[in-house]
């Protein structure tokens, strides 16, 4: 670590947070004072084997996860991810990789994504990824927190009300190398949307961690509360986290099937659509996620694709320069970004390997088709409950092989425990429980 400690001291850093994102998509960290950083730099910090088996509801591991209190993994910092935290003076943060015996741990979500990126490279492919987050700003009170305002989608009045907050969010994000390309008030009232610049998949997942952490912290400093819960209010718009991806061979963008003679991107998208029910266990992983999904809600509730079709699960947005990427709408910010992106790449590559045929683009709202018309077009209504997506993930040989048996098992055990924990709760009680988790 030549010079690192001195550089940190020069910037006023006293503490370094070693952060990880667990199977429940809870951001956790251990903090090392800078005087003790030398050992932690190479050896990391210890975390219990039980940690990936902890659900969002409580700090107690799930017994059937294959994990328990015996055993110690090391969280080794990836120092390319080091940032100084503008909302926490004196603190820096590094994202860690879970290691055992000097090797990536089989339960590490970040290691899973890295393996899938390397597998894509073996196909001669690379990806660029960006995430587009929607979230609510709430006024905490003695009762249930209320939305900050009641303004409309892109309303200038709403932008003027929240302009100073937007500025704080953008400045804090960009201080951490997370470039903002667009933002606006969303349609929920008190709901905002911020889009960030594309990058490689691992950096994109790291940026999603940065994004959530930053929005929560800056909101708190303004005596507000932020939530990324997919459907916090039954009568207001849900919050998605759309994933934008482009597929590359060398320096050539091969995403658009309309203009590319290369059929790789067609097979890649087809692989995702074919296996979308099991992917949803990773991309929409809470019961509350399914309150957001449905026909006519612009949430991607049907397994089809189309140009500029905001009801399709996969949309290819057009611009004056043509189509440069596709968007997966069936995703929200309760998902662990490393698992979600790893699953997307694994299924896309399965489509490439099998040369899976991509169906025809859909040019109207698929929710307006009759059941017979959808069947004829090969369009399926996606799972409407988490239990169906989890059952599909359990049966999925593709994702089990890609994730590895250990991660596949521990993830399913956590999500089933979370589902069982809310089955007896009303939707309102579930929101009360999870509002501050996400």
Protein backbone atom coordinates (compact mmCIF):
# COMPACT_ATOMS: atom_id res chain seq x y z
CA UNK A 1 0.00 0.00 0.00
CA UNK A 2 2.78 2.45 -0.85
CA UNK A 3 1.60 5.99 -0.33
CA UNK A 4 -2.07 5.07 0.24
CA UNK A 5 -2.13 5.88 3.95
CA UNK A 6 -0.41 9.21 3.38
CA UNK A 7 -2.80 10.05 0.55
CA UNK A 8 -5.77 9.27 2.79
CA UNK A 9 -4.35 11.37 5.63
CA UNK A 10 -3.78 14.26 3.22
CA UNK A 11 -7.47 14.17 2.34
CA UNK A 12 -8.49 14.12 5.98
CA UNK A 13 -9.53 10.48 6.03
CA UNK A 14 -9.55 8.84 9.47
CA UNK A 15 -11.62 5.74 8.76
CA UNK A 16 -12.05 3.27 5.89
CA UNK A 17 -15.29 1.33 5.48
CA UNK A 18 -15.01 -2.19 4.01
CA UNK A 19 -18.41 -2.71 2.39
CA UNK A 20 -20.25 -5.75 1.07
CA UNK A 21 -23.73 -6.33 -0.34
CA UNK A 22 -25.36 -9.51 0.93
CA UNK A 23 -27.94 -11.90 -0.54
CA UNK A 24 -30.74 -9.78 0.96
CA UNK A 25 -29.27 -6.68 -0.75
CA UNK A 26 -28.49 -5.05 2.57
CA UNK A 27 -25.37 -2.88 2.42
CA UNK A 28 -23.08 -3.71 5.33
CA UNK A 29 -19.65 -2.46 6.34
CA UNK A 30 -16.88 -2.85 8.89
CA UNK A 31 -14.78 0.22 9.65
CA UNK A 32 -10.99 0.30 10.09
CA UNK A 33 -9.25 3.37 11.59
CA UNK A 34 -6.46 4.50 9.31
CA UNK A 35 -3.78 3.67 11.90
CA UNK A 36 -4.69 -0.01 11.48
CA UNK A 37 -5.14 0.00 7.72
CA UNK A 38 -1.81 -1.64 6.88
CA UNK A 39 -2.95 -5.11 8.03
CA UNK A 40 -6.46 -4.72 6.63
CA UNK A 41 -5.08 -3.63 3.25
CA UNK A 42 -3.70 -7.07 2.49
CA UNK A 43 -5.63 -9.33 4.86
CA UNK A 44 -9.00 -7.60 4.72
CA UNK A 45 -11.52 -7.85 7.54
CA UNK A 46 -13.20 -11.00 8.78
CA UNK A 47 -16.86 -11.84 8.27
CA UNK A 48 -18.67 -14.92 9.53
CA UNK A 49 -19.63 -17.73 7.18
CA UNK A 50 -23.19 -17.07 8.37
CA UNK A 51 -23.28 -13.58 6.87
CA UNK A 52 -24.61 -14.44 3.37
CA UNK A 53 -27.42 -16.42 5.04
CA UNK A 54 -28.94 -13.45 6.91
CA UNK A 55 -32.36 -12.26 5.62
CA UNK A 56 -33.45 -8.63 5.46
CA UNK A 57 -35.86 -8.96 8.37
CA UNK A 58 -33.50 -9.96 11.17
CA UNK A 59 -29.86 -10.53 12.03
CA UNK A 60 -30.08 -14.32 12.33
CA UNK A 61 -28.85 -16.79 9.74
CA UNK A 62 -31.14 -19.25 7.92
CA UNK A 63 -30.35 -22.78 9.10
CA UNK A 64 -30.94 -24.62 5.79
CA UNK A 65 -28.59 -22.32 3.86
CA UNK A 66 -25.60 -24.61 4.31
CA UNK A 67 -23.94 -21.82 6.31
CA UNK A 68 -23.57 -21.21 10.03
CA UNK A 69 -21.52 -19.65 12.81
CA UNK A 70 -18.40 -21.75 12.19
CA UNK A 71 -15.96 -20.38 9.62
CA UNK A 72 -14.44 -17.04 8.63
CA UNK A 73 -14.25 -15.41 5.21
CA UNK A 74 -12.02 -12.42 4.51
CA UNK A 75 -13.43 -9.28 2.95
CA UNK A 76 -10.53 -8.07 0.79
CA UNK A 77 -10.83 -4.52 -0.48
CA UNK A 78 -10.86 -3.88 -4.22
CA UNK A 79 -8.85 -0.68 -4.06
CA UNK A 80 -9.95 0.44 -7.51
CA UNK A 81 -13.34 1.06 -5.86
CA UNK A 82 -11.96 3.37 -3.15
CA UNK A 83 -13.89 6.64 -2.78
CA UNK A 84 -14.01 9.40 -0.19
CA UNK A 85 -17.53 9.85 1.17
CA UNK A 86 -18.71 13.44 0.72
CA UNK A 87 -21.63 12.90 3.13
CA UNK A 88 -19.39 11.42 5.89
CA UNK A 89 -16.36 13.66 6.47
CA UNK A 90 -13.30 11.67 7.47
CA UNK A 91 -14.61 8.42 5.98
CA UNK A 92 -13.60 6.58 2.82
CA UNK A 93 -15.12 3.39 1.46
CA UNK A 94 -13.83 0.37 -0.42
CA UNK A 95 -15.95 -2.48 -1.76
CA UNK A 96 -14.76 -5.91 -0.75
CA UNK A 97 -14.49 -9.33 -2.36
CA UNK A 98 -15.27 -12.32 -0.13
CA UNK A 99 -12.27 -14.67 -0.06
CA UNK A 100 -11.51 -18.00 1.64
CA UNK A 101 -8.05 -19.53 1.53
CA UNK A 102 -6.88 -16.79 -0.83
CA UNK A 103 -9.56 -17.68 -3.42
CA UNK A 104 -12.96 -16.12 -4.24
CA UNK A 105 -15.58 -17.57 -1.91
CA UNK A 106 -18.33 -19.62 -3.56
CA UNK A 107 -20.97 -17.51 -1.77
CA UNK A 108 -19.66 -14.13 -3.00
CA UNK A 109 -22.10 -12.27 -5.32
CA UNK A 110 -19.33 -10.04 -6.69
CA UNK A 111 -17.23 -13.10 -7.60
CA UNK A 112 -20.26 -14.53 -9.44
CA UNK A 113 -20.58 -11.40 -11.57
CA UNK A 114 -16.83 -11.39 -12.27
CA UNK A 115 -17.03 -15.01 -13.50
CA UNK A 116 -19.87 -14.11 -15.86
CA UNK A 117 -17.93 -11.12 -17.23
CA UNK A 118 -14.97 -13.42 -17.88
CA UNK A 119 -17.27 -15.96 -19.54
CA UNK A 120 -18.60 -13.25 -21.85
CA UNK A 121 -15.00 -12.41 -22.75
CA UNK A 122 -14.47 -16.05 -23.73
CA UNK A 123 -17.25 -15.50 -26.31
CA UNK A 124 -15.43 -12.40 -27.56
CA UNK A 125 -18.08 -10.17 -25.97
CA UNK A 126 -18.13 -7.29 -23.53
CA UNK A 127 -20.98 -5.26 -22.08
CA UNK A 128 -21.66 -1.71 -21.01
CA UNK A 129 -24.27 -1.25 -18.29
CA UNK A 130 -26.13 1.65 -16.70
CA UNK A 131 -28.87 1.67 -14.06
CA UNK A 132 -31.80 4.05 -13.90
CA UNK A 133 -33.14 4.35 -10.35
CA UNK A 134 -36.52 5.55 -9.14
CA UNK A 135 -37.01 6.23 -5.44
CA UNK A 136 -39.21 8.15 -3.00
CA UNK A 137 -38.26 10.97 -0.68
CA UNK A 138 -40.32 10.83 2.49
CA UNK A 139 -40.99 13.09 5.47
CA UNK A 140 -40.49 11.02 8.60
CA UNK A 141 -42.96 11.58 11.38
CA UNK A 142 -44.62 9.86 14.31
CA UNK A 143 -46.75 7.75 11.99
CA UNK A 144 -45.99 6.32 8.57
CA UNK A 145 -43.59 8.51 6.54
CA UNK A 146 -45.35 10.57 3.88
CA UNK A 147 -44.10 11.52 0.39
CA UNK A 148 -42.27 14.81 0.19
CA UNK A 149 -44.72 16.33 -2.31
CA UNK A 150 -47.61 15.57 -4.69
CA UNK A 151 -46.21 16.89 -7.96
CA UNK A 152 -46.58 15.21 -11.35
CA UNK A 153 -44.17 13.49 -13.74
CA UNK A 154 -41.48 15.93 -14.90
CA UNK A 155 -43.44 18.84 -13.45
CA UNK A 156 -41.29 21.96 -13.28
CA UNK A 157 -43.03 22.83 -10.02
CA UNK A 158 -41.71 19.58 -8.55
CA UNK A 159 -38.25 20.23 -9.94
CA UNK A 160 -38.20 23.66 -8.31
CA UNK A 161 -39.29 22.17 -4.99
CA UNK A 162 -36.60 19.51 -5.00
CA UNK A 163 -33.94 21.34 -7.03
CA UNK A 164 -31.56 21.84 -4.11
CA UNK A 165 -31.84 18.16 -3.17
CA UNK A 166 -31.19 17.09 -6.75
CA UNK A 167 -28.08 19.27 -6.75
CA UNK A 168 -26.83 17.68 -3.53
CA UNK A 169 -27.48 14.18 -4.87
CA UNK A 170 -25.70 14.85 -8.16
CA UNK A 171 -22.70 16.54 -6.56
CA UNK A 172 -22.28 13.74 -3.99
CA UNK A 173 -22.55 11.06 -6.67
CA UNK A 174 -20.11 12.74 -9.02
CA UNK A 175 -17.64 13.22 -6.17
CA UNK A 176 -17.55 9.40 -6.13
CA UNK A 177 -17.02 8.96 -9.91
CA UNK A 178 -20.69 8.18 -10.46
CA UNK A 179 -21.63 10.45 -13.39
CA UNK A 180 -25.24 11.56 -13.66
CA UNK A 181 -26.63 11.90 -17.19
CA UNK A 182 -30.27 12.82 -16.47
CA UNK A 183 -32.75 13.39 -13.63
CA UNK A 184 -36.37 14.44 -13.15
CA UNK A 185 -39.34 14.20 -10.79
CA UNK A 186 -41.25 10.94 -11.35
CA UNK A 187 -45.01 10.43 -11.38
CA UNK A 188 -45.47 9.18 -7.81
CA UNK A 189 -45.27 12.51 -6.06
CA UNK A 190 -42.17 12.70 -3.89
CA UNK A 191 -40.67 10.24 -6.36
CA UNK A 192 -37.44 11.03 -8.23
CA UNK A 193 -35.52 9.37 -11.03
CA UNK A 194 -31.76 9.67 -11.64
CA UNK A 195 -29.84 7.96 -14.45
CA UNK A 196 -26.08 7.40 -14.36
CA UNK A 197 -23.48 6.89 -17.07
CA UNK A 198 -22.73 3.43 -18.44
CA UNK A 199 -19.60 1.47 -17.58
CA UNK A 200 -18.46 -2.16 -17.37
CA UNK A 201 -20.74 -4.55 -15.40
CA UNK A 202 -18.69 -4.77 -12.18
CA UNK A 203 -18.22 -1.01 -11.99
CA UNK A 204 -21.94 -0.57 -12.76
CA UNK A 205 -22.89 -2.82 -9.83
CA UNK A 206 -20.42 -0.91 -7.63
CA UNK A 207 -22.05 2.35 -8.75
CA UNK A 208 -25.45 0.98 -7.78
CA UNK A 209 -24.11 0.36 -4.28
CA UNK A 210 -22.70 3.90 -4.27
CA UNK A 211 -26.00 5.27 -5.53
CA UNK A 212 -28.20 3.71 -2.85
CA UNK A 213 -25.79 4.53 -0.04
CA UNK A 214 -25.45 8.14 -1.20
CA UNK A 215 -29.16 8.85 -1.70
CA UNK A 216 -29.98 7.49 1.76
CA UNK A 217 -27.19 9.47 3.42
CA UNK A 218 -27.87 12.80 1.69
CA UNK A 219 -31.60 12.49 2.36
CA UNK A 220 -30.88 11.81 6.04
CA UNK A 221 -28.68 14.90 6.25
CA UNK A 222 -31.71 16.89 5.05
CA UNK A 223 -33.98 15.34 7.73
CA UNK A 224 -35.68 13.23 5.06
CA UNK A 225 -35.88 9.54 4.36
CA UNK A 226 -35.29 7.83 1.01
CA UNK A 227 -36.68 4.45 0.05
CA UNK A 228 -36.06 2.27 -3.00
CA UNK A 229 -38.80 -0.19 -1.98
CA UNK A 230 -40.57 -1.15 -5.25
CA UNK A 231 -44.15 -0.37 -4.12
CA UNK A 232 -44.30 1.62 -0.89
CA UNK A 233 -47.74 3.11 -1.62
CA UNK A 234 -50.64 1.20 -3.21
CA UNK A 235 -52.07 4.33 -4.82
CA UNK A 236 -48.80 5.75 -6.19
CA UNK A 237 -46.38 4.67 -8.90
CA UNK A 238 -43.94 1.88 -8.15
CA UNK A 239 -40.17 2.38 -8.20
CA UNK A 240 -38.19 0.37 -10.72
CA UNK A 241 -34.49 0.24 -11.46
CA UNK A 242 -34.24 -0.30 -15.20
CA UNK A 243 -31.04 -1.90 -16.46
CA UNK A 244 -29.61 -0.58 -19.72
CA UNK A 245 -27.13 -2.84 -21.53
CA UNK A 246 -25.20 -2.75 -24.76
CA UNK A 247 -23.36 -5.70 -26.30
CA UNK A 248 -19.95 -5.25 -27.92
CA UNK A 249 -17.49 -7.18 -30.05
CA UNK A 250 -14.21 -5.33 -29.75
CA UNK A 251 -15.01 -1.67 -30.40
CA UNK A 252 -18.24 -2.41 -32.33
CA UNK A 253 -21.66 -2.08 -30.73
CA UNK A 254 -23.69 -5.06 -31.99
CA UNK A 255 -26.86 -4.46 -29.96
CA UNK A 256 -29.47 -3.54 -32.59
CA UNK A 257 -30.83 -6.64 -34.39
CA UNK A 258 -32.40 -4.40 -37.05
CA UNK A 259 -29.11 -3.02 -38.34
CA UNK A 260 -26.61 -5.75 -37.42
CA UNK A 261 -26.03 -8.79 -39.64
CA UNK A 262 -24.40 -10.36 -36.58
CA UNK A 263 -27.16 -12.29 -34.76
CA UNK A 264 -25.35 -12.47 -31.40
CA UNK A 265 -27.46 -9.80 -29.72
CA UNK A 266 -30.66 -11.49 -30.90
CA UNK A 267 -29.61 -14.73 -29.24
CA UNK A 268 -28.49 -12.84 -26.12
CA UNK A 269 -31.87 -11.11 -25.68
CA UNK A 270 -33.70 -14.34 -26.52
CA UNK A 271 -31.80 -16.17 -23.78
CA UNK A 272 -32.91 -13.56 -21.24
CA UNK A 273 -36.54 -13.66 -22.35
CA UNK A 274 -36.66 -17.46 -22.42
CA UNK A 275 -35.47 -17.70 -18.82
CA UNK A 276 -36.97 -14.49 -17.45
CA UNK A 277 -39.23 -16.22 -14.85
CA UNK A 278 -36.22 -17.66 -13.00
CA UNK A 279 -34.19 -14.48 -13.52
CA UNK A 280 -36.93 -12.56 -11.72
CA UNK A 281 -35.97 -14.33 -8.48
CA UNK A 282 -32.76 -12.26 -8.76
CA UNK A 283 -34.11 -9.04 -10.34
CA UNK A 284 -37.46 -8.70 -8.50
CA UNK A 285 -36.64 -10.57 -5.29
CA UNK A 286 -39.20 -9.38 -2.71
CA UNK A 287 -42.92 -9.99 -2.38
CA UNK A 288 -43.36 -6.23 -2.59
CA UNK A 289 -41.68 -6.30 -6.04
CA UNK A 290 -44.74 -8.03 -7.47
CA UNK A 291 -47.08 -5.30 -6.28
CA UNK A 292 -45.25 -3.08 -8.80
CA UNK A 293 -45.44 -5.54 -11.71
CA UNK A 294 -48.54 -5.81 -13.86
CA UNK A 295 -50.05 -4.97 -17.24
CA UNK A 296 -50.31 -1.29 -18.21
CA UNK A 297 -47.85 -0.20 -15.48
CA UNK A 298 -44.75 0.20 -17.70
CA UNK A 299 -43.03 -2.40 -15.56
CA UNK A 300 -42.29 -5.17 -18.08
CA UNK A 301 -44.84 -7.77 -16.99
CA UNK A 302 -44.83 -9.76 -20.26
CA UNK A 303 -41.97 -11.76 -21.79
CA UNK A 304 -41.60 -9.90 -25.07
CA UNK A 305 -39.45 -7.23 -26.63
CA UNK A 306 -40.03 -4.23 -28.83
CA UNK A 307 -38.67 -0.94 -30.10
CA UNK A 308 -39.75 1.93 -27.82
CA UNK A 309 -42.32 -0.37 -26.17
CA UNK A 310 -42.45 0.53 -22.48
CA UNK A 311 -44.76 -2.39 -21.67
CA UNK A 312 -42.31 -5.00 -22.98
CA UNK A 313 -39.89 -6.61 -20.55
CA UNK A 314 -37.07 -5.78 -22.98
CA UNK A 315 -37.23 -2.40 -24.72
CA UNK A 316 -34.89 -1.10 -27.40
CA UNK A 317 -34.98 2.70 -27.07
CA UNK A 318 -34.42 4.65 -30.26
CA UNK A 319 -32.72 8.01 -30.71
CA UNK A 320 -31.75 10.20 -33.68
CA UNK A 321 -28.51 8.18 -33.77
CA UNK A 322 -30.33 4.84 -33.81
CA UNK A 323 -30.50 2.06 -31.20
CA UNK A 324 -27.41 1.69 -29.01
CA UNK A 325 -28.65 -0.47 -26.13
CA UNK A 326 -31.57 -2.42 -24.72
CA UNK A 327 -33.39 -1.98 -21.43
CA UNK A 328 -34.59 -4.66 -19.02
CA UNK A 329 -37.56 -3.22 -17.16
CA UNK A 330 -38.29 -6.22 -14.93
CA UNK A 331 -35.87 -5.17 -12.20
CA UNK A 332 -35.98 -3.06 -9.05
CA UNK A 333 -33.51 -1.79 -6.48
CA UNK A 334 -34.35 -4.43 -3.87
CA UNK A 335 -32.15 -6.70 -6.03
CA UNK A 336 -28.50 -7.32 -5.27
CA UNK A 337 -26.92 -5.72 -8.39
CA UNK A 338 -24.07 -8.26 -8.62
CA UNK A 339 -26.52 -11.17 -8.65
CA UNK A 340 -28.94 -9.47 -11.05
CA UNK A 341 -26.27 -8.55 -13.60
CA UNK A 342 -24.55 -11.92 -13.23
CA UNK A 343 -27.84 -13.68 -13.91
CA UNK A 344 -28.58 -11.51 -16.95
CA UNK A 345 -25.18 -12.23 -18.49
CA UNK A 346 -25.41 -15.96 -17.73
CA UNK A 347 -28.80 -16.28 -19.45
CA UNK A 348 -27.81 -14.06 -22.36
CA UNK A 349 -24.74 -16.21 -23.00
CA UNK A 350 -26.88 -19.33 -22.78
CA UNK A 351 -28.95 -17.87 -25.60
CA UNK A 352 -25.82 -17.13 -27.62
CA UNK A 353 -24.45 -20.62 -27.05
CA UNK A 354 -27.74 -22.29 -28.02
CA UNK A 355 -28.48 -19.79 -30.82
CA UNK A 356 -31.90 -19.23 -29.25
CA UNK A 357 -34.26 -17.60 -31.72
CA UNK A 358 -35.61 -14.17 -30.87
CA UNK A 359 -39.33 -13.72 -31.51
CA UNK A 360 -40.77 -10.83 -33.46
CA UNK A 361 -40.78 -7.37 -31.91
CA UNK A 362 -44.09 -6.33 -30.35
CA UNK A 363 -45.37 -2.95 -31.44
CA UNK A 364 -48.32 -2.54 -29.07
CA UNK A 365 -49.15 -2.98 -25.41
CA UNK A 366 -48.97 -6.78 -24.88
CA UNK A 367 -51.53 -6.46 -22.11
CA UNK A 368 -54.15 -5.63 -24.76
CA UNK A 369 -53.75 -8.98 -26.52
CA UNK A 370 -56.16 -11.79 -25.77
CA UNK A 371 -54.77 -14.95 -24.18
CA UNK A 372 -55.02 -16.66 -27.57
CA UNK A 373 -53.14 -13.86 -29.32
CA UNK A 374 -50.38 -13.90 -26.70
CA UNK A 375 -50.06 -17.68 -27.03
CA UNK A 376 -49.83 -17.40 -30.80
CA UNK A 377 -47.09 -14.76 -30.49
CA UNK A 378 -45.19 -16.72 -27.83
CA UNK A 379 -45.76 -14.00 -25.20
CA UNK A 380 -46.08 -15.16 -21.61
CA UNK A 381 -47.39 -13.28 -18.59
CA UNK A 382 -44.50 -13.29 -16.17
CA UNK A 383 -44.80 -14.56 -12.58
CA UNK A 384 -47.13 -12.45 -10.46
CA UNK A 385 -45.83 -13.79 -7.15
CA UNK A 386 -42.35 -14.25 -5.72
CA UNK A 387 -42.99 -17.88 -4.83
CA UNK A 388 -43.33 -18.76 -8.53
CA UNK A 389 -40.07 -17.00 -9.43
CA UNK A 390 -38.24 -18.76 -6.58
CA UNK A 391 -39.59 -22.11 -7.74
CA UNK A 392 -38.37 -21.33 -11.26
CA UNK A 393 -34.91 -20.42 -9.92
CA UNK A 394 -34.73 -23.67 -7.96
CA UNK A 395 -35.46 -25.64 -11.16
CA UNK A 396 -33.08 -23.56 -13.28
CA UNK A 397 -30.08 -25.66 -14.25
CA UNK A 398 -28.61 -22.71 -16.15
CA UNK A 399 -28.54 -20.36 -13.17
CA UNK A 400 -27.61 -23.10 -10.71
CA UNK A 401 -24.55 -23.92 -12.78
CA UNK A 402 -23.66 -20.26 -13.31
CA UNK A 403 -24.13 -19.21 -9.67
CA UNK A 404 -22.61 -22.39 -8.31
CA UNK A 405 -24.44 -24.77 -6.01
CA UNK A 406 -23.39 -22.95 -2.82
CA UNK A 407 -24.57 -19.46 -3.84
CA UNK A 408 -27.71 -20.89 -5.48
CA UNK A 409 -28.62 -22.63 -2.21
CA UNK A 410 -27.79 -19.79 0.20
CA UNK A 411 -29.62 -17.24 -1.95
CA UNK A 412 -32.77 -19.36 -2.22
CA UNK A 413 -32.76 -20.05 1.51
CA UNK A 414 -32.58 -16.32 2.32
CA UNK A 415 -35.34 -15.39 -0.10
CA UNK A 416 -37.64 -18.17 1.09
CA UNK A 417 -37.10 -17.10 4.70
CA UNK A 418 -37.93 -13.51 3.75
CA UNK A 419 -41.08 -14.64 1.94
CA UNK A 420 -42.19 -16.80 4.86
CA UNK A 421 -41.62 -13.86 7.21
CA UNK A 422 -44.15 -11.67 5.40
CA UNK A 423 -46.82 -14.23 4.46
CA UNK A 424 -48.85 -13.47 7.57
CA UNK A 425 -48.39 -9.71 7.21
CA UNK A 426 -50.66 -7.33 5.35
CA UNK A 427 -49.09 -5.37 2.49
CA UNK A 428 -49.03 -2.31 4.77
CA UNK A 429 -47.22 -4.19 7.53
CA UNK A 430 -44.73 -5.53 5.00
CA UNK A 431 -44.01 -2.00 3.77
CA UNK A 432 -43.52 -0.80 7.35
CA UNK A 433 -40.99 -3.59 7.88
CA UNK A 434 -39.00 -3.05 4.69
CA UNK A 435 -39.30 0.69 4.04
CA UNK A 436 -36.02 1.48 5.81
CA UNK A 437 -34.21 -1.64 4.60
CA UNK A 438 -34.22 -0.46 0.99
